[in-house]
N, C-alpha and C. Protein backbone atom coordinates (compact mmCIF):
# COMPACT_ATOMS: atom_id res chain seq x y z
N UNK A 1 41.52 29.67 41.46
CA UNK A 1 40.91 28.61 40.69
C UNK A 1 40.35 27.57 41.67
N UNK A 2 39.14 27.10 41.38
CA UNK A 2 38.51 26.09 42.23
C UNK A 2 39.08 24.71 41.93
N UNK A 3 39.05 23.85 42.95
CA UNK A 3 39.46 22.46 42.79
C UNK A 3 38.22 21.59 42.68
N UNK A 4 38.37 20.41 42.11
CA UNK A 4 37.24 19.52 41.92
C UNK A 4 36.52 19.24 43.24
N UNK A 5 37.27 19.10 44.33
CA UNK A 5 36.67 18.85 45.64
C UNK A 5 35.71 19.94 46.08
N UNK A 6 35.87 21.15 45.55
CA UNK A 6 34.96 22.25 45.89
C UNK A 6 33.54 22.00 45.38
N UNK A 7 33.40 21.09 44.43
CA UNK A 7 32.09 20.84 43.82
C UNK A 7 31.39 19.61 44.39
N UNK A 8 32.06 18.89 45.31
CA UNK A 8 31.45 17.71 45.92
C UNK A 8 30.33 18.14 46.85
N UNK A 9 29.18 17.52 46.69
CA UNK A 9 28.02 17.84 47.52
C UNK A 9 27.74 16.68 48.46
N UNK A 10 27.27 17.00 49.66
CA UNK A 10 26.89 15.99 50.63
C UNK A 10 25.55 16.36 51.23
N UNK A 11 24.87 15.38 51.77
CA UNK A 11 23.58 15.61 52.44
C UNK A 11 23.19 14.30 53.11
N UNK A 12 22.07 14.31 53.80
CA UNK A 12 21.53 13.11 54.42
C UNK A 12 20.88 12.25 53.34
N UNK A 13 21.38 11.02 53.14
CA UNK A 13 20.86 10.17 52.07
C UNK A 13 19.40 9.81 52.25
N UNK A 14 18.87 9.97 53.47
CA UNK A 14 17.45 9.67 53.71
C UNK A 14 16.54 10.78 53.19
N UNK A 15 17.14 11.96 52.90
CA UNK A 15 16.34 13.10 52.44
C UNK A 15 16.73 13.58 51.05
N UNK A 16 17.90 13.22 50.58
CA UNK A 16 18.41 13.72 49.30
C UNK A 16 18.66 12.55 48.35
N UNK A 17 18.04 12.58 47.17
CA UNK A 17 18.07 11.46 46.23
C UNK A 17 19.41 11.25 45.53
N UNK A 18 20.33 12.18 45.61
CA UNK A 18 21.59 12.05 44.89
C UNK A 18 22.72 11.43 45.71
N UNK A 19 22.58 11.39 47.02
CA UNK A 19 23.68 10.95 47.89
C UNK A 19 23.84 9.43 47.84
N UNK A 20 25.06 8.94 47.63
CA UNK A 20 25.28 7.50 47.65
C UNK A 20 24.98 6.91 49.03
N UNK A 21 24.23 5.83 49.05
CA UNK A 21 23.98 5.08 50.28
C UNK A 21 24.99 3.94 50.33
N UNK A 22 25.72 3.84 51.44
CA UNK A 22 26.72 2.79 51.62
C UNK A 22 26.17 1.77 52.61
N UNK A 23 26.05 0.53 52.16
CA UNK A 23 25.63 -0.55 53.05
C UNK A 23 26.79 -1.53 53.17
N UNK A 24 27.38 -1.58 54.36
CA UNK A 24 28.50 -2.48 54.62
C UNK A 24 28.49 -2.80 56.11
N UNK A 25 29.20 -3.86 56.50
CA UNK A 25 29.27 -4.16 57.93
C UNK A 25 29.96 -3.03 58.68
N UNK A 26 29.63 -2.87 59.95
CA UNK A 26 30.32 -1.89 60.80
C UNK A 26 31.72 -2.38 61.13
N UNK A 27 31.88 -3.71 61.14
CA UNK A 27 33.14 -4.32 61.52
C UNK A 27 33.35 -5.59 60.70
N UNK A 28 34.58 -5.83 60.27
CA UNK A 28 34.93 -7.03 59.51
C UNK A 28 36.21 -7.62 60.06
N UNK A 29 36.50 -8.87 59.70
CA UNK A 29 37.75 -9.51 60.12
C UNK A 29 38.85 -9.14 59.13
N UNK A 30 40.02 -8.85 59.65
CA UNK A 30 41.16 -8.50 58.81
C UNK A 30 41.45 -9.62 57.82
N UNK A 31 41.59 -9.26 56.55
CA UNK A 31 41.95 -10.23 55.53
C UNK A 31 40.81 -11.08 55.00
N UNK A 32 39.58 -10.85 55.46
CA UNK A 32 38.43 -11.62 54.96
C UNK A 32 37.57 -10.77 54.04
N UNK A 33 37.07 -11.39 52.98
CA UNK A 33 36.23 -10.67 52.02
C UNK A 33 34.88 -10.30 52.64
N UNK A 34 34.37 -9.16 52.24
CA UNK A 34 33.04 -8.70 52.65
C UNK A 34 32.46 -7.89 51.51
N UNK A 35 31.16 -7.60 51.60
CA UNK A 35 30.49 -6.86 50.52
C UNK A 35 30.15 -5.44 50.93
N UNK A 36 30.31 -4.54 49.97
CA UNK A 36 29.90 -3.15 50.11
C UNK A 36 28.87 -2.90 49.01
N UNK A 37 27.68 -2.47 49.39
CA UNK A 37 26.67 -2.12 48.39
C UNK A 37 26.51 -0.61 48.40
N UNK A 38 26.60 -0.02 47.22
CA UNK A 38 26.41 1.42 47.07
C UNK A 38 25.26 1.63 46.09
N UNK A 39 24.29 2.43 46.51
CA UNK A 39 23.15 2.72 45.64
C UNK A 39 22.80 4.20 45.77
N UNK A 40 22.04 4.67 44.82
CA UNK A 40 21.58 6.05 44.82
C UNK A 40 20.06 6.03 44.93
N UNK A 41 19.53 6.88 45.80
CA UNK A 41 18.08 7.01 45.91
C UNK A 41 17.41 5.91 46.70
N UNK A 42 18.05 5.41 47.74
CA UNK A 42 17.45 4.33 48.52
C UNK A 42 16.15 4.77 49.19
N UNK A 43 16.14 5.95 49.79
CA UNK A 43 14.95 6.47 50.47
C UNK A 43 14.12 7.39 49.58
N UNK A 44 14.80 8.19 48.76
CA UNK A 44 14.14 9.11 47.84
C UNK A 44 14.60 8.72 46.43
N UNK A 45 13.69 8.20 45.63
CA UNK A 45 14.02 7.66 44.32
C UNK A 45 14.65 8.71 43.39
N UNK A 46 15.72 8.30 42.70
CA UNK A 46 16.36 9.16 41.70
C UNK A 46 15.87 8.74 40.32
N UNK A 47 15.57 9.69 39.43
CA UNK A 47 15.15 9.33 38.07
C UNK A 47 16.22 8.53 37.33
N UNK A 48 15.79 7.73 36.40
CA UNK A 48 16.70 7.00 35.54
C UNK A 48 16.16 7.13 34.12
N UNK A 49 16.31 8.33 33.57
CA UNK A 49 15.81 8.63 32.23
C UNK A 49 16.96 9.11 31.35
N UNK A 50 16.71 9.19 30.08
CA UNK A 50 17.72 9.69 29.15
C UNK A 50 18.17 11.09 29.57
N UNK A 51 17.23 11.89 30.05
CA UNK A 51 17.53 13.29 30.39
C UNK A 51 18.15 13.47 31.78
N UNK A 52 17.88 12.56 32.71
CA UNK A 52 18.30 12.73 34.10
C UNK A 52 18.65 11.37 34.69
N UNK A 53 19.94 11.14 34.96
CA UNK A 53 20.37 9.84 35.44
C UNK A 53 21.71 9.93 36.18
N UNK A 54 22.05 8.84 36.85
CA UNK A 54 23.36 8.70 37.49
C UNK A 54 24.28 8.03 36.48
N UNK A 55 25.43 8.66 36.23
CA UNK A 55 26.36 8.13 35.23
C UNK A 55 27.31 7.09 35.80
N UNK A 56 27.80 7.33 37.04
CA UNK A 56 28.75 6.38 37.63
C UNK A 56 28.78 6.48 39.14
N UNK A 57 29.34 5.43 39.74
CA UNK A 57 29.65 5.37 41.17
C UNK A 57 31.10 4.94 41.29
N UNK A 58 31.84 5.58 42.20
CA UNK A 58 33.20 5.15 42.53
C UNK A 58 33.26 4.87 44.02
N UNK A 59 34.04 3.85 44.39
CA UNK A 59 34.19 3.47 45.79
C UNK A 59 35.67 3.46 46.14
N UNK A 60 36.02 4.11 47.25
CA UNK A 60 37.40 4.19 47.74
C UNK A 60 37.46 3.72 49.18
N UNK A 61 38.65 3.28 49.61
CA UNK A 61 38.90 2.95 51.01
C UNK A 61 40.10 3.76 51.47
N UNK A 62 39.94 4.47 52.59
CA UNK A 62 41.04 5.22 53.19
C UNK A 62 41.39 4.57 54.52
N UNK A 63 42.52 3.84 54.58
CA UNK A 63 42.92 3.19 55.83
C UNK A 63 43.27 4.23 56.90
N UNK A 64 42.86 3.94 58.11
CA UNK A 64 43.14 4.84 59.24
C UNK A 64 44.64 5.06 59.38
N UNK A 65 45.05 6.32 59.53
CA UNK A 65 46.45 6.66 59.74
C UNK A 65 47.29 6.73 58.48
N UNK A 66 46.72 6.47 57.32
CA UNK A 66 47.49 6.53 56.08
C UNK A 66 47.16 7.81 55.31
N UNK A 67 48.07 8.21 54.46
CA UNK A 67 47.91 9.46 53.71
C UNK A 67 46.94 9.32 52.54
N UNK A 68 46.94 8.17 51.89
CA UNK A 68 46.20 8.04 50.64
C UNK A 68 45.01 7.08 50.74
N UNK A 69 44.04 7.31 49.87
CA UNK A 69 42.90 6.41 49.73
C UNK A 69 43.17 5.48 48.54
N UNK A 70 42.51 4.32 48.55
CA UNK A 70 42.68 3.33 47.50
C UNK A 70 41.34 3.12 46.80
N UNK A 71 41.36 3.18 45.47
CA UNK A 71 40.13 2.96 44.72
C UNK A 71 39.79 1.47 44.72
N UNK A 72 38.56 1.15 45.14
CA UNK A 72 38.08 -0.23 45.15
C UNK A 72 37.31 -0.57 43.89
N UNK A 73 36.54 0.39 43.39
CA UNK A 73 35.69 0.09 42.23
C UNK A 73 35.23 1.35 41.53
N UNK A 74 34.94 1.19 40.26
CA UNK A 74 34.27 2.23 39.47
C UNK A 74 33.23 1.53 38.61
N UNK A 75 31.99 1.92 38.76
CA UNK A 75 30.89 1.30 38.03
C UNK A 75 30.21 2.36 37.16
N UNK A 76 30.14 2.10 35.86
CA UNK A 76 29.49 3.03 34.93
C UNK A 76 28.12 2.49 34.55
N UNK A 77 27.15 3.40 34.44
CA UNK A 77 25.79 3.05 34.06
C UNK A 77 25.51 3.74 32.74
N UNK A 78 25.50 2.96 31.66
CA UNK A 78 25.54 3.56 30.33
C UNK A 78 24.26 3.42 29.52
N UNK A 79 23.24 2.75 30.05
CA UNK A 79 21.98 2.62 29.32
C UNK A 79 20.87 3.31 30.10
N UNK A 80 20.26 4.33 29.47
CA UNK A 80 19.21 5.12 30.13
C UNK A 80 18.03 5.34 29.19
N UNK A 81 17.68 4.31 28.44
CA UNK A 81 16.52 4.41 27.56
C UNK A 81 16.76 5.13 26.25
N UNK A 82 18.02 5.31 25.87
CA UNK A 82 18.32 5.97 24.60
C UNK A 82 17.87 5.09 23.44
N UNK A 83 17.45 5.74 22.36
CA UNK A 83 17.01 5.01 21.18
C UNK A 83 16.96 5.95 19.98
N UNK A 84 17.06 5.38 18.78
CA UNK A 84 16.87 6.18 17.57
C UNK A 84 15.43 6.66 17.48
N UNK A 85 14.51 6.02 18.19
CA UNK A 85 13.10 6.44 18.22
C UNK A 85 12.90 7.70 19.07
N UNK A 86 13.88 7.96 19.96
CA UNK A 86 13.78 9.13 20.83
C UNK A 86 14.15 8.80 22.26
N UNK A 87 14.17 9.85 23.07
CA UNK A 87 14.52 9.70 24.49
C UNK A 87 13.54 8.77 25.19
N UNK A 88 14.07 7.90 26.05
CA UNK A 88 13.29 6.98 26.88
C UNK A 88 12.47 5.97 26.08
N UNK A 89 12.82 5.76 24.82
CA UNK A 89 12.13 4.78 23.98
C UNK A 89 12.96 3.52 23.80
N UNK A 90 14.16 3.51 24.35
CA UNK A 90 15.06 2.38 24.17
C UNK A 90 14.68 1.17 24.99
N UNK A 91 15.25 0.02 24.63
CA UNK A 91 14.90 -1.23 25.30
C UNK A 91 15.74 -1.56 26.53
N UNK A 92 16.74 -0.71 26.87
CA UNK A 92 17.64 -1.07 27.96
C UNK A 92 17.89 0.10 28.92
N UNK A 93 17.94 -0.25 30.21
CA UNK A 93 18.27 0.69 31.28
C UNK A 93 19.21 -0.01 32.25
N UNK A 94 20.15 0.72 32.83
CA UNK A 94 20.95 0.19 33.93
C UNK A 94 20.57 0.95 35.19
N UNK A 95 20.51 0.23 36.31
CA UNK A 95 20.14 0.87 37.58
C UNK A 95 21.40 1.26 38.34
N UNK A 96 21.34 2.39 39.01
CA UNK A 96 22.48 2.97 39.72
C UNK A 96 22.68 2.31 41.08
N UNK A 97 23.22 1.09 41.05
CA UNK A 97 23.51 0.31 42.24
C UNK A 97 24.68 -0.61 41.94
N UNK A 98 25.57 -0.82 42.91
CA UNK A 98 26.72 -1.68 42.69
C UNK A 98 27.07 -2.42 43.98
N UNK A 99 27.53 -3.65 43.83
CA UNK A 99 28.01 -4.44 44.96
C UNK A 99 29.47 -4.76 44.70
N UNK A 100 30.32 -4.45 45.68
CA UNK A 100 31.75 -4.64 45.57
C UNK A 100 32.20 -5.60 46.66
N UNK A 101 32.96 -6.62 46.28
CA UNK A 101 33.59 -7.50 47.27
C UNK A 101 34.97 -6.94 47.55
N UNK A 102 35.30 -6.79 48.82
CA UNK A 102 36.59 -6.19 49.19
C UNK A 102 37.16 -6.89 50.41
N UNK A 103 38.44 -6.62 50.67
CA UNK A 103 39.13 -7.12 51.84
C UNK A 103 40.00 -5.98 52.36
N UNK A 104 40.01 -5.78 53.67
CA UNK A 104 40.87 -4.74 54.25
C UNK A 104 41.70 -5.35 55.38
N UNK A 105 42.81 -4.69 55.68
CA UNK A 105 43.69 -5.16 56.76
C UNK A 105 43.82 -4.14 57.87
N UNK A 106 43.17 -3.00 57.69
CA UNK A 106 43.18 -1.93 58.70
C UNK A 106 41.79 -1.33 58.77
N UNK A 107 41.42 -0.75 59.91
CA UNK A 107 40.15 -0.01 59.94
C UNK A 107 40.30 1.25 59.09
N UNK A 108 39.18 1.88 58.76
CA UNK A 108 39.26 3.10 57.97
C UNK A 108 37.90 3.60 57.55
N UNK A 109 37.87 4.27 56.40
CA UNK A 109 36.65 4.89 55.91
C UNK A 109 36.41 4.48 54.47
N UNK A 110 35.16 4.09 54.20
CA UNK A 110 34.73 3.82 52.83
C UNK A 110 34.13 5.12 52.30
N UNK A 111 34.57 5.55 51.14
CA UNK A 111 34.04 6.76 50.50
C UNK A 111 33.36 6.34 49.20
N UNK A 112 32.16 6.86 48.97
CA UNK A 112 31.45 6.61 47.72
C UNK A 112 31.14 7.94 47.06
N UNK A 113 31.36 7.99 45.76
CA UNK A 113 31.09 9.18 44.95
C UNK A 113 30.13 8.79 43.84
N UNK A 114 29.26 9.72 43.47
CA UNK A 114 28.37 9.48 42.33
C UNK A 114 28.29 10.75 41.49
N UNK A 115 27.95 10.56 40.22
CA UNK A 115 27.80 11.70 39.31
C UNK A 115 26.42 11.67 38.69
N UNK A 116 25.62 12.70 38.97
CA UNK A 116 24.34 12.92 38.31
C UNK A 116 24.62 13.80 37.09
N UNK A 117 24.06 13.44 35.95
CA UNK A 117 24.35 14.20 34.73
C UNK A 117 23.84 15.64 34.80
N UNK A 118 22.92 15.94 35.71
CA UNK A 118 22.40 17.30 35.85
C UNK A 118 22.91 18.00 37.11
N UNK A 119 22.92 17.28 38.23
CA UNK A 119 23.19 17.91 39.53
C UNK A 119 24.59 17.67 40.08
N UNK A 120 25.49 17.11 39.29
CA UNK A 120 26.89 17.06 39.64
C UNK A 120 27.32 15.93 40.56
N UNK A 121 28.45 16.20 41.27
CA UNK A 121 29.14 15.21 42.09
C UNK A 121 28.59 15.16 43.51
N UNK A 122 28.45 13.93 44.03
CA UNK A 122 27.94 13.70 45.38
C UNK A 122 28.84 12.71 46.10
N UNK A 123 28.92 12.86 47.44
CA UNK A 123 29.80 12.02 48.24
C UNK A 123 29.13 11.59 49.52
N UNK A 124 29.49 10.40 49.98
CA UNK A 124 29.11 9.92 51.30
C UNK A 124 30.25 9.04 51.81
N UNK A 125 30.29 8.81 53.12
CA UNK A 125 31.33 7.96 53.68
C UNK A 125 30.79 7.17 54.86
N UNK A 126 31.48 6.07 55.17
CA UNK A 126 31.10 5.21 56.29
C UNK A 126 32.36 4.63 56.92
N UNK A 127 32.42 4.68 58.23
CA UNK A 127 33.55 4.10 58.96
C UNK A 127 33.41 2.59 58.97
N UNK A 128 34.55 1.90 58.95
CA UNK A 128 34.55 0.45 59.07
C UNK A 128 35.71 0.04 59.98
N UNK A 129 35.42 -0.84 60.92
CA UNK A 129 36.40 -1.28 61.91
C UNK A 129 36.75 -2.74 61.71
N UNK A 130 37.79 -3.19 62.41
CA UNK A 130 38.17 -4.60 62.40
C UNK A 130 37.69 -5.25 63.68
N UNK A 131 37.23 -6.50 63.56
CA UNK A 131 36.78 -7.23 64.75
C UNK A 131 37.78 -8.31 65.13
């Protein structure tokens, strides 16, 4: 039986529209708040239609030397132009981008996951150090 991790896809975010782009400092001060921005389609635009969209982004932090990762955020994008008039006729859309304020006390890795309603699960990661 396959595990969920077997379905995670990765690629270069500059060439693949589904990969989460993580924008955060390379280094932060221990115990001080900083921002992590995660978006989809920074270099190659991802559709945002009723038929094809990003449903959610999750952000985790895995401290160096520890066994477990910690969930920092989960952002759902629930408006994609749906309407009783038909697909893409609705008055509201949400864009697949999130900014998370976080604080860490150890260096480690930020992991971002996204779900495309057609093309499945995608992952990216970025190292972060303490200054």
